[in-house]
């Protein structure tokens, strides 16, 4: 990376940091706190047993010593471990407008990372293609969050294709305690349903689909060469042909319906974010659904 490229990258990171800090503080800090709760209980103290208390919490050693039944009391563990699993496969480099899907994913991930930071949670990063490309274990601190943003924007992956299934496998093998996992991807993949379901059983899983508007509706621009960025496969398409556009729309609609069924089957909350629209309303709705 040249010095000019490094300067541009750091400028983008700083701009994104300023935006994400403001949004996470002003718009999402409270919603994040109430939507995502800590996992498990921490021992706090002992007290005398009262009628109606859970008998499984009786501590028999203390009871024998005090000659009065005593139970263990607990407090909720507030701290979460958060993992941002971000798809950096070649399809996410696509941009029909100002932002690519990768840049949009970075903005969404930055807001989530700062929400976690301000809530006292640890946050980590997984960049994936058809393999785990880069893993940063969950940790605290502003420098750690800035590294997460920088890696999403600057990392050059070795793989080109997408495997959500492999990413889910990696997460389940790597995270030993129950965590909050955000999967940020265009989900242009197949055969990942069972692996995603297995992940959702172990961790609270949120799916965030990033898409470009041109991928949803084929524009009328005449004959164009289309290239699959992940496989290199090429074809020529006449976008002025109504049947072609209709067939494209049907295939895309079928794919999205299938995706929604997968999320529903495994009780995975989800949201969608277009590269040309503000994702804040969708994120607000997501937090309210999870809280509800």
C-alpha atoms as a PDB file:
ATOM      1  CA  UNK A   1       0.000   0.000   0.000  1.00  0.00           C
ATOM      2  CA  UNK A   2       1.462   3.374  -1.034  1.00  0.00           C
ATOM      3  CA  UNK A   3       1.781   6.326   1.361  1.00  0.00           C
ATOM      4  CA  UNK A   4      -1.059   8.054  -0.529  1.00  0.00           C
ATOM      5  CA  UNK A   5      -3.283   4.990  -0.122  1.00  0.00           C
ATOM      6  CA  UNK A   6      -2.400   4.802   3.572  1.00  0.00           C
ATOM      7  CA  UNK A   7      -3.280   8.469   4.000  1.00  0.00           C
ATOM      8  CA  UNK A   8      -6.631   7.999   2.278  1.00  0.00           C
ATOM      9  CA  UNK A   9      -7.357   4.918   4.379  1.00  0.00           C
ATOM     10  CA  UNK A  10      -6.579   6.691   7.669  1.00  0.00           C
ATOM     11  CA  UNK A  11      -8.721   9.638   6.603  1.00  0.00           C
ATOM     12  CA  UNK A  12     -11.616   7.264   5.885  1.00  0.00           C
ATOM     13  CA  UNK A  13     -11.082   5.513   9.227  1.00  0.00           C
ATOM     14  CA  UNK A  14     -11.130   8.845  11.107  1.00  0.00           C
ATOM     15  CA  UNK A  15     -14.272  10.030   9.304  1.00  0.00           C
ATOM     16  CA  UNK A  16     -15.971   6.720   9.995  1.00  0.00           C
ATOM     17  CA  UNK A  17     -14.869   6.829  13.646  1.00  0.00           C
ATOM     18  CA  UNK A  18     -16.426  10.279  14.139  1.00  0.00           C
ATOM     19  CA  UNK A  19     -19.728   9.224  12.529  1.00  0.00           C
ATOM     20  CA  UNK A  20     -19.913   5.904  14.381  1.00  0.00           C
ATOM     21  CA  UNK A  21     -19.081   7.444  17.776  1.00  0.00           C
ATOM     22  CA  UNK A  22     -21.834  10.029  17.381  1.00  0.00           C
ATOM     23  CA  UNK A  23     -24.449   7.544  16.170  1.00  0.00           C
ATOM     24  CA  UNK A  24     -23.686   4.955  18.823  1.00  0.00           C
ATOM     25  CA  UNK A  25     -23.864   7.543  21.622  1.00  0.00           C
ATOM     26  CA  UNK A  26     -26.834   9.560  20.428  1.00  0.00           C
ATOM     27  CA  UNK A  27     -28.997   6.984  18.689  1.00  0.00           C
ATOM     28  CA  UNK A  28     -28.236   3.454  19.787  1.00  0.00           C
ATOM     29  CA  UNK A  29     -26.487   3.280  23.156  1.00  0.00           C
ATOM     30  CA  UNK A  30     -29.690   2.848  25.192  1.00  0.00           C
ATOM     31  CA  UNK A  31     -31.365   0.571  22.657  1.00  0.00           C
ATOM     32  CA  UNK A  32     -28.307  -1.673  22.460  1.00  0.00           C
ATOM     33  CA  UNK A  33     -28.145  -1.955  26.259  1.00  0.00           C
ATOM     34  CA  UNK A  34     -31.774  -3.003  26.624  1.00  0.00           C
ATOM     35  CA  UNK A  35     -31.802  -5.273  23.551  1.00  0.00           C
ATOM     36  CA  UNK A  36     -28.760  -7.404  24.306  1.00  0.00           C
ATOM     37  CA  UNK A  37     -28.305  -8.709  27.831  1.00  0.00           C
ATOM     38  CA  UNK A  38     -25.342 -10.363  29.478  1.00  0.00           C
ATOM     39  CA  UNK A  39     -25.021 -14.122  29.560  1.00  0.00           C
ATOM     40  CA  UNK A  40     -25.086 -16.110  32.791  1.00  0.00           C
ATOM     41  CA  UNK A  41     -24.950 -15.188  36.468  1.00  0.00           C
ATOM     42  CA  UNK A  42     -22.117 -14.203  38.800  1.00  0.00           C
ATOM     43  CA  UNK A  43     -22.113 -15.352  42.441  1.00  0.00           C
ATOM     44  CA  UNK A  44     -22.754 -12.393  44.767  1.00  0.00           C
ATOM     45  CA  UNK A  45     -23.394 -13.516  48.378  1.00  0.00           C
ATOM     46  CA  UNK A  46     -25.270 -15.822  50.758  1.00  0.00           C
ATOM     47  CA  UNK A  47     -28.521 -15.145  52.596  1.00  0.00           C
ATOM     48  CA  UNK A  48     -31.053 -17.091  54.643  1.00  0.00           C
ATOM     49  CA  UNK A  49     -33.472 -19.257  52.730  1.00  0.00           C
ATOM     50  CA  UNK A  50     -37.051 -17.913  52.458  1.00  0.00           C
ATOM     51  CA  UNK A  51     -40.194 -19.743  51.447  1.00  0.00           C
ATOM     52  CA  UNK A  52     -40.472 -19.702  47.664  1.00  0.00           C
ATOM     53  CA  UNK A  53     -36.705 -19.518  47.004  1.00  0.00           C
ATOM     54  CA  UNK A  54     -35.164 -21.935  44.512  1.00  0.00           C
ATOM     55  CA  UNK A  55     -34.057 -24.972  46.528  1.00  0.00           C
ATOM     56  CA  UNK A  56     -31.342 -25.737  43.949  1.00  0.00           C
ATOM     57  CA  UNK A  57     -29.474 -22.637  45.171  1.00  0.00           C
ATOM     58  CA  UNK A  58     -29.200 -23.904  48.768  1.00  0.00           C
ATOM     59  CA  UNK A  59     -25.565 -24.119  49.862  1.00  0.00           C
ATOM     60  CA  UNK A  60     -25.428 -27.140  52.166  1.00  0.00           C
ATOM     61  CA  UNK A  61     -21.976 -26.389  53.590  1.00  0.00           C
ATOM     62  CA  UNK A  62     -23.016 -22.907  54.744  1.00  0.00           C
ATOM     63  CA  UNK A  63     -26.344 -24.293  55.941  1.00  0.00           C
ATOM     64  CA  UNK A  64     -24.549 -26.888  58.122  1.00  0.00           C
ATOM     65  CA  UNK A  65     -22.211 -24.273  59.536  1.00  0.00           C
ATOM     66  CA  UNK A  66     -24.957 -21.734  60.330  1.00  0.00           C
ATOM     67  CA  UNK A  67     -27.639 -24.272  61.355  1.00  0.00           C
ATOM     68  CA  UNK A  68     -30.072 -22.288  59.198  1.00  0.00           C
ATOM     69  CA  UNK A  69     -30.717 -22.928  55.479  1.00  0.00           C
ATOM     70  CA  UNK A  70     -28.774 -20.463  53.312  1.00  0.00           C
ATOM     71  CA  UNK A  71     -28.883 -19.966  49.557  1.00  0.00           C
ATOM     72  CA  UNK A  72     -26.425 -18.498  47.096  1.00  0.00           C
ATOM     73  CA  UNK A  73     -27.489 -15.193  45.500  1.00  0.00           C
ATOM     74  CA  UNK A  74     -26.381 -14.024  42.083  1.00  0.00           C
ATOM     75  CA  UNK A  75     -26.214 -10.903  39.953  1.00  0.00           C
ATOM     76  CA  UNK A  76     -26.647 -10.849  36.213  1.00  0.00           C
ATOM     77  CA  UNK A  77     -23.403 -10.773  34.294  1.00  0.00           C
ATOM     78  CA  UNK A  78     -23.818  -7.658  32.151  1.00  0.00           C
ATOM     79  CA  UNK A  79     -20.716  -7.924  30.035  1.00  0.00           C
ATOM     80  CA  UNK A  80     -21.166  -9.451  26.581  1.00  0.00           C
ATOM     81  CA  UNK A  81     -18.693 -10.848  24.123  1.00  0.00           C
ATOM     82  CA  UNK A  82     -19.631  -9.515  20.698  1.00  0.00           C
ATOM     83  CA  UNK A  83     -18.283 -10.836  17.406  1.00  0.00           C
ATOM     84  CA  UNK A  84     -18.659  -9.011  14.094  1.00  0.00           C
ATOM     85  CA  UNK A  85     -18.393 -11.599  11.310  1.00  0.00           C
ATOM     86  CA  UNK A  86     -17.930  -9.604   8.100  1.00  0.00           C
ATOM     87  CA  UNK A  87     -18.019 -11.091   4.595  1.00  0.00           C
ATOM     88  CA  UNK A  88     -15.084  -9.745   2.532  1.00  0.00           C
ATOM     89  CA  UNK A  89     -15.530 -11.984  -0.522  1.00  0.00           C
ATOM     90  CA  UNK A  90     -15.191 -10.475  -3.997  1.00  0.00           C
ATOM     91  CA  UNK A  91     -18.916  -9.856  -4.444  1.00  0.00           C
ATOM     92  CA  UNK A  92     -18.773  -7.285  -1.648  1.00  0.00           C
ATOM     93  CA  UNK A  93     -16.441  -5.033  -3.632  1.00  0.00           C
ATOM     94  CA  UNK A  94     -19.292  -4.200  -6.004  1.00  0.00           C
ATOM     95  CA  UNK A  95     -20.601  -0.627  -6.063  1.00  0.00           C
ATOM     96  CA  UNK A  96     -23.098   0.923  -8.450  1.00  0.00           C
ATOM     97  CA  UNK A  97     -23.020   4.170  -6.479  1.00  0.00           C
ATOM     98  CA  UNK A  98     -20.845   5.990  -3.977  1.00  0.00           C
ATOM     99  CA  UNK A  99     -20.341   3.100  -1.545  1.00  0.00           C
ATOM    100  CA  UNK A 100     -19.458  -0.544  -2.105  1.00  0.00           C
ATOM    101  CA  UNK A 101     -21.084  -3.268  -0.028  1.00  0.00           C
ATOM    102  CA  UNK A 102     -17.785  -3.635   1.828  1.00  0.00           C
ATOM    103  CA  UNK A 103     -17.759   0.074   2.748  1.00  0.00           C
ATOM    104  CA  UNK A 104     -21.384  -0.097   3.888  1.00  0.00           C
ATOM    105  CA  UNK A 105     -20.574  -3.142   5.999  1.00  0.00           C
ATOM    106  CA  UNK A 106     -17.703  -1.217   7.596  1.00  0.00           C
ATOM    107  CA  UNK A 107     -20.053   1.617   8.568  1.00  0.00           C
ATOM    108  CA  UNK A 108     -22.577  -0.735  10.086  1.00  0.00           C
ATOM    109  CA  UNK A 109     -19.874  -2.699  11.911  1.00  0.00           C
ATOM    110  CA  UNK A 110     -18.330   0.519  13.258  1.00  0.00           C
ATOM    111  CA  UNK A 111     -21.619   1.609  14.871  1.00  0.00           C
ATOM    112  CA  UNK A 112     -22.079  -1.829  16.430  1.00  0.00           C
ATOM    113  CA  UNK A 113     -18.478  -1.868  17.684  1.00  0.00           C
ATOM    114  CA  UNK A 114     -18.812   1.515  19.378  1.00  0.00           C
ATOM    115  CA  UNK A 115     -22.186   0.514  20.883  1.00  0.00           C
ATOM    116  CA  UNK A 116     -20.444  -2.491  22.419  1.00  0.00           C
ATOM    117  CA  UNK A 117     -17.536  -0.342  23.604  1.00  0.00           C
ATOM    118  CA  UNK A 118     -19.738   2.250  25.332  1.00  0.00           C
ATOM    119  CA  UNK A 119     -21.692  -0.562  26.977  1.00  0.00           C
ATOM    120  CA  UNK A 120     -18.517  -2.061  28.444  1.00  0.00           C
ATOM    121  CA  UNK A 121     -18.642  -5.155  26.215  1.00  0.00           C
ATOM    122  CA  UNK A 122     -15.802  -6.914  24.469  1.00  0.00           C
ATOM    123  CA  UNK A 123     -15.939  -6.879  20.674  1.00  0.00           C
ATOM    124  CA  UNK A 124     -14.066  -9.025  18.171  1.00  0.00           C
ATOM    125  CA  UNK A 125     -13.838  -9.406  14.408  1.00  0.00           C
ATOM    126  CA  UNK A 126     -13.917 -12.237  11.900  1.00  0.00           C
ATOM    127  CA  UNK A 127     -13.268 -11.428   8.251  1.00  0.00           C
ATOM    128  CA  UNK A 128     -14.302 -14.343   6.069  1.00  0.00           C
ATOM    129  CA  UNK A 129     -14.557 -15.449   2.441  1.00  0.00           C
ATOM    130  CA  UNK A 130     -14.738 -19.191   1.808  1.00  0.00           C
ATOM    131  CA  UNK A 131     -12.351 -19.431   4.766  1.00  0.00           C
ATOM    132  CA  UNK A 132     -11.592 -17.549   7.972  1.00  0.00           C
ATOM    133  CA  UNK A 133      -9.302 -14.775   6.734  1.00  0.00           C
ATOM    134  CA  UNK A 134      -8.632 -12.739   9.876  1.00  0.00           C
ATOM    135  CA  UNK A 135      -9.722 -13.208  13.475  1.00  0.00           C
ATOM    136  CA  UNK A 136      -9.371 -10.661  16.264  1.00  0.00           C
ATOM    137  CA  UNK A 137     -10.566 -12.108  19.593  1.00  0.00           C
ATOM    138  CA  UNK A 138     -13.118 -10.022  21.533  1.00  0.00           C
ATOM    139  CA  UNK A 139     -11.410  -7.307  23.576  1.00  0.00           C
ATOM    140  CA  UNK A 140     -12.091  -3.870  25.021  1.00  0.00           C
ATOM    141  CA  UNK A 141     -10.706  -0.430  24.204  1.00  0.00           C
ATOM    142  CA  UNK A 142     -10.912   2.346  21.637  1.00  0.00           C
ATOM    143  CA  UNK A 143      -7.704   1.299  19.879  1.00  0.00           C
ATOM    144  CA  UNK A 144      -9.100  -2.186  19.406  1.00  0.00           C
ATOM    145  CA  UNK A 145     -12.302  -0.794  17.861  1.00  0.00           C
ATOM    146  CA  UNK A 146     -10.288   1.401  15.489  1.00  0.00           C
ATOM    147  CA  UNK A 147      -8.253  -1.607  14.406  1.00  0.00           C
ATOM    148  CA  UNK A 148     -11.475  -3.460  13.647  1.00  0.00           C
ATOM    149  CA  UNK A 149     -12.641  -0.611  11.395  1.00  0.00           C
ATOM    150  CA  UNK A 150      -9.238  -0.353   9.714  1.00  0.00           C
ATOM    151  CA  UNK A 151      -9.060  -4.086   9.000  1.00  0.00           C
ATOM    152  CA  UNK A 152     -12.533  -4.192   7.426  1.00  0.00           C
ATOM    153  CA  UNK A 153     -11.633  -1.344   5.084  1.00  0.00           C
ATOM    154  CA  UNK A 154      -8.039  -2.311   4.242  1.00  0.00           C
ATOM    155  CA  UNK A 155      -7.760  -6.088   4.454  1.00  0.00           C
ATOM    156  CA  UNK A 156      -6.991  -7.830   1.151  1.00  0.00           C
ATOM    157  CA  UNK A 157      -8.455 -11.345   1.328  1.00  0.00           C
ATOM    158  CA  UNK A 158      -6.865 -14.433  -0.153  1.00  0.00           C
ATOM    159  CA  UNK A 159     -10.176 -16.057  -1.054  1.00  0.00           C
ATOM    160  CA  UNK A 160     -12.714 -14.770  -3.559  1.00  0.00           C
ATOM    161  CA  UNK A 161     -15.796 -16.866  -2.871  1.00  0.00           C
ATOM    162  CA  UNK A 162     -18.256 -16.909   0.040  1.00  0.00           C
ATOM    163  CA  UNK A 163     -18.894 -19.660   2.565  1.00  0.00           C
ATOM    164  CA  UNK A 164     -21.211 -18.663   5.378  1.00  0.00           C
ATOM    165  CA  UNK A 165     -21.147 -22.305   6.500  1.00  0.00           C
ATOM    166  CA  UNK A 166     -17.366 -22.273   7.007  1.00  0.00           C
ATOM    167  CA  UNK A 167     -17.605 -18.987   8.912  1.00  0.00           C
ATOM    168  CA  UNK A 168     -20.251 -20.480  11.223  1.00  0.00           C
ATOM    169  CA  UNK A 169     -18.077 -23.552  11.797  1.00  0.00           C
ATOM    170  CA  UNK A 170     -15.087 -21.375  12.690  1.00  0.00           C
ATOM    171  CA  UNK A 171     -17.111 -19.295  15.143  1.00  0.00           C
ATOM    172  CA  UNK A 172     -18.588 -22.315  16.897  1.00  0.00           C
ATOM    173  CA  UNK A 173     -15.141 -23.884  17.288  1.00  0.00           C
ATOM    174  CA  UNK A 174     -13.465 -20.649  18.404  1.00  0.00           C
ATOM    175  CA  UNK A 175     -15.906 -18.965  20.798  1.00  0.00           C
ATOM    176  CA  UNK A 176     -16.023 -20.980  24.010  1.00  0.00           C
ATOM    177  CA  UNK A 177     -18.636 -18.894  25.852  1.00  0.00           C
ATOM    178  CA  UNK A 178     -22.041 -17.825  24.615  1.00  0.00           C
ATOM    179  CA  UNK A 179     -21.665 -14.608  22.611  1.00  0.00           C
ATOM    180  CA  UNK A 180     -23.578 -12.151  20.469  1.00  0.00           C
ATOM    181  CA  UNK A 181     -22.682 -12.710  16.802  1.00  0.00           C
ATOM    182  CA  UNK A 182     -23.513 -10.271  14.005  1.00  0.00           C
ATOM    183  CA  UNK A 183     -23.071 -11.793  10.529  1.00  0.00           C
ATOM    184  CA  UNK A 184     -22.706  -8.968   7.992  1.00  0.00           C
ATOM    185  CA  UNK A 185     -22.854 -10.325   4.451  1.00  0.00           C
ATOM    186  CA  UNK A 186     -24.677 -10.182   1.138  1.00  0.00           C
ATOM    187  CA  UNK A 187     -25.507 -13.874   1.769  1.00  0.00           C
ATOM    188  CA  UNK A 188     -24.897 -14.698  -1.902  1.00  0.00           C
ATOM    189  CA  UNK A 189     -24.168 -18.273  -0.967  1.00  0.00           C
ATOM    190  CA  UNK A 190     -25.906 -21.635  -0.660  1.00  0.00           C
ATOM    191  CA  UNK A 191     -25.966 -24.745   1.539  1.00  0.00           C
ATOM    192  CA  UNK A 192     -25.343 -22.884   4.782  1.00  0.00           C
ATOM    193  CA  UNK A 193     -28.707 -23.397   6.503  1.00  0.00           C
ATOM    194  CA  UNK A 194     -27.676 -26.224   8.891  1.00  0.00           C
ATOM    195  CA  UNK A 195     -24.391 -24.592   9.896  1.00  0.00           C
ATOM    196  CA  UNK A 196     -26.133 -21.286  10.546  1.00  0.00           C
ATOM    197  CA  UNK A 197     -28.734 -23.106  12.621  1.00  0.00           C
ATOM    198  CA  UNK A 198     -25.982 -24.777  14.665  1.00  0.00           C
ATOM    199  CA  UNK A 199     -24.419 -21.362  15.287  1.00  0.00           C
ATOM    200  CA  UNK A 200     -27.770 -19.919  16.406  1.00  0.00           C
ATOM    201  CA  UNK A 201     -28.132 -22.733  18.959  1.00  0.00           C
ATOM    202  CA  UNK A 202     -24.801 -21.841  20.574  1.00  0.00           C
ATOM    203  CA  UNK A 203     -24.805 -18.050  20.262  1.00  0.00           C
ATOM    204  CA  UNK A 204     -27.295 -15.222  19.876  1.00  0.00           C
ATOM    205  CA  UNK A 205     -27.056 -14.654  16.132  1.00  0.00           C
ATOM    206  CA  UNK A 206     -28.113 -11.589  14.138  1.00  0.00           C
ATOM    207  CA  UNK A 207     -28.059 -11.601  10.307  1.00  0.00           C
ATOM    208  CA  UNK A 208     -27.418  -8.329   8.471  1.00  0.00           C
ATOM    209  CA  UNK A 209     -27.770  -8.471   4.695  1.00  0.00           C
ATOM    210  CA  UNK A 210     -25.934  -5.793   2.715  1.00  0.00           C
ATOM    211  CA  UNK A 211     -27.038  -5.307  -0.883  1.00  0.00           C
ATOM    212  CA  UNK A 212     -26.620  -2.976  -3.848  1.00  0.00           C
ATOM    213  CA  UNK A 213     -29.868  -1.724  -5.450  1.00  0.00           C
ATOM    214  CA  UNK A 214     -28.724  -2.850  -8.908  1.00  0.00           C
ATOM    215  CA  UNK A 215     -28.594  -6.421  -7.585  1.00  0.00           C
ATOM    216  CA  UNK A 216     -32.303  -6.232  -6.736  1.00  0.00           C
ATOM    217  CA  UNK A 217     -33.687  -4.762  -9.970  1.00  0.00           C
ATOM    218  CA  UNK A 218     -31.918  -5.129 -13.306  1.00  0.00           C
ATOM    219  CA  UNK A 219     -31.722  -1.664 -14.934  1.00  0.00           C
ATOM    220  CA  UNK A 220     -32.540  -1.057 -18.598  1.00  0.00           C
ATOM    221  CA  UNK A 221     -29.125  -0.221 -20.065  1.00  0.00           C
ATOM    222  CA  UNK A 222     -29.060  -2.341 -23.215  1.00  0.00           C
ATOM    223  CA  UNK A 223     -26.627  -5.197 -23.781  1.00  0.00           C
ATOM    224  CA  UNK A 224     -24.046  -5.567 -21.024  1.00  0.00           C
ATOM    225  CA  UNK A 225     -21.277  -7.994 -20.120  1.00  0.00           C
ATOM    226  CA  UNK A 226     -21.818  -9.418 -16.642  1.00  0.00           C
ATOM    227  CA  UNK A 227     -19.011 -10.992 -14.633  1.00  0.00           C
ATOM    228  CA  UNK A 228     -19.351 -13.043 -11.463  1.00  0.00           C
ATOM    229  CA  UNK A 229     -16.652 -11.514  -9.228  1.00  0.00           C
ATOM    230  CA  UNK A 230     -16.279 -14.713  -7.215  1.00  0.00           C
ATOM    231  CA  UNK A 231     -15.960 -17.232 -10.073  1.00  0.00           C
ATOM    232  CA  UNK A 232     -14.996 -15.100 -13.082  1.00  0.00           C
ATOM    233  CA  UNK A 233     -17.890 -16.523 -15.117  1.00  0.00           C
ATOM    234  CA  UNK A 234     -19.043 -14.081 -17.837  1.00  0.00           C
ATOM    235  CA  UNK A 235     -22.122 -13.665 -19.977  1.00  0.00           C
ATOM    236  CA  UNK A 236     -23.835 -11.031 -22.115  1.00  0.00           C
ATOM    237  CA  UNK A 237     -27.339  -9.936 -21.143  1.00  0.00           C
ATOM    238  CA  UNK A 238     -29.808  -7.712 -22.992  1.00  0.00           C
ATOM    239  CA  UNK A 239     -31.266  -5.727 -20.112  1.00  0.00           C
ATOM    240  CA  UNK A 240     -33.837  -4.099 -22.402  1.00  0.00           C
ATOM    241  CA  UNK A 241     -35.557  -7.469 -22.813  1.00  0.00           C
ATOM    242  CA  UNK A 242     -38.604  -7.521 -20.533  1.00  0.00           C
ATOM    243  CA  UNK A 243     -38.498 -11.312 -20.167  1.00  0.00           C
ATOM    244  CA  UNK A 244     -34.876 -11.161 -19.040  1.00  0.00           C
ATOM    245  CA  UNK A 245     -35.665  -8.556 -16.390  1.00  0.00           C
ATOM    246  CA  UNK A 246     -38.730 -10.501 -15.245  1.00  0.00           C
ATOM    247  CA  UNK A 247     -36.741 -13.738 -14.972  1.00  0.00           C
ATOM    248  CA  UNK A 248     -34.008 -11.962 -13.031  1.00  0.00           C
ATOM    249  CA  UNK A 249     -36.542 -10.483 -10.607  1.00  0.00           C
ATOM    250  CA  UNK A 250     -38.156 -13.889 -10.024  1.00  0.00           C
ATOM    251  CA  UNK A 251     -34.826 -15.561  -9.285  1.00  0.00           C
ATOM    252  CA  UNK A 252     -33.825 -12.804  -6.895  1.00  0.00           C
ATOM    253  CA  UNK A 253     -37.199 -12.842  -5.139  1.00  0.00           C
ATOM    254  CA  UNK A 254     -36.996 -16.622  -4.735  1.00  0.00           C
ATOM    255  CA  UNK A 255     -33.503 -16.329  -3.251  1.00  0.00           C
ATOM    256  CA  UNK A 256     -34.587 -13.690  -0.732  1.00  0.00           C
ATOM    257  CA  UNK A 257     -37.690 -15.646   0.270  1.00  0.00           C
ATOM    258  CA  UNK A 258     -35.485 -18.671   0.900  1.00  0.00           C
ATOM    259  CA  UNK A 259     -33.149 -16.572   3.017  1.00  0.00           C
ATOM    260  CA  UNK A 260     -36.014 -15.262   5.152  1.00  0.00           C
ATOM    261  CA  UNK A 261     -37.265 -18.816   5.704  1.00  0.00           C
ATOM    262  CA  UNK A 262     -33.838 -19.870   6.963  1.00  0.00           C
ATOM    263  CA  UNK A 263     -33.700 -16.961   9.418  1.00  0.00           C
ATOM    264  CA  UNK A 264     -37.239 -17.683  10.608  1.00  0.00           C
ATOM    265  CA  UNK A 265     -36.567 -21.429  11.009  1.00  0.00           C
ATOM    266  CA  UNK A 266     -33.713 -20.781  13.416  1.00  0.00           C
ATOM    267  CA  UNK A 267     -35.244 -17.730  15.110  1.00  0.00           C
ATOM    268  CA  UNK A 268     -32.490 -15.446  13.813  1.00  0.00           C
ATOM    269  CA  UNK A 269     -33.272 -11.725  13.903  1.00  0.00           C
ATOM    270  CA  UNK A 270     -32.287  -9.981  10.681  1.00  0.00           C
ATOM    271  CA  UNK A 271     -32.145  -6.657   8.876  1.00  0.00           C
ATOM    272  CA  UNK A 272     -31.299  -5.389   5.401  1.00  0.00           C
ATOM    273  CA  UNK A 273     -29.165  -2.411   4.413  1.00  0.00           C
ATOM    274  CA  UNK A 274     -28.858  -0.988   0.916  1.00  0.00           C
ATOM    275  CA  UNK A 275     -25.636   0.730  -0.124  1.00  0.00           C
ATOM    276  CA  UNK A 276     -27.599   3.809  -1.227  1.00  0.00           C
ATOM    277  CA  UNK A 277     -29.802   4.230   1.868  1.00  0.00           C
ATOM    278  CA  UNK A 278     -29.416   5.182   5.519  1.00  0.00           C
ATOM    279  CA  UNK A 279     -29.318   2.003   7.620  1.00  0.00           C
ATOM    280  CA  UNK A 280     -30.344   3.764  10.862  1.00  0.00           C
ATOM    281  CA  UNK A 281     -34.118   3.135  10.587  1.00  0.00           C
ATOM    282  CA  UNK A 282     -33.532  -0.564   9.900  1.00  0.00           C
ATOM    283  CA  UNK A 283     -31.131  -0.810  12.852  1.00  0.00           C
ATOM    284  CA  UNK A 284     -33.648   0.899  15.154  1.00  0.00           C
ATOM    285  CA  UNK A 285     -36.330  -1.596  14.069  1.00  0.00           C
ATOM    286  CA  UNK A 286     -33.954  -4.509  14.626  1.00  0.00           C
ATOM    287  CA  UNK A 287     -33.098  -3.432  18.177  1.00  0.00           C
ATOM    288  CA  UNK A 288     -36.799  -3.009  19.001  1.00  0.00           C
ATOM    289  CA  UNK A 289     -37.630  -6.491  17.642  1.00  0.00           C
ATOM    290  CA  UNK A 290     -34.828  -8.120  19.618  1.00  0.00           C
ATOM    291  CA  UNK A 291     -35.868  -6.251  22.772  1.00  0.00           C
ATOM    292  CA  UNK A 292     -39.492  -7.171  22.238  1.00  0.00           C
END
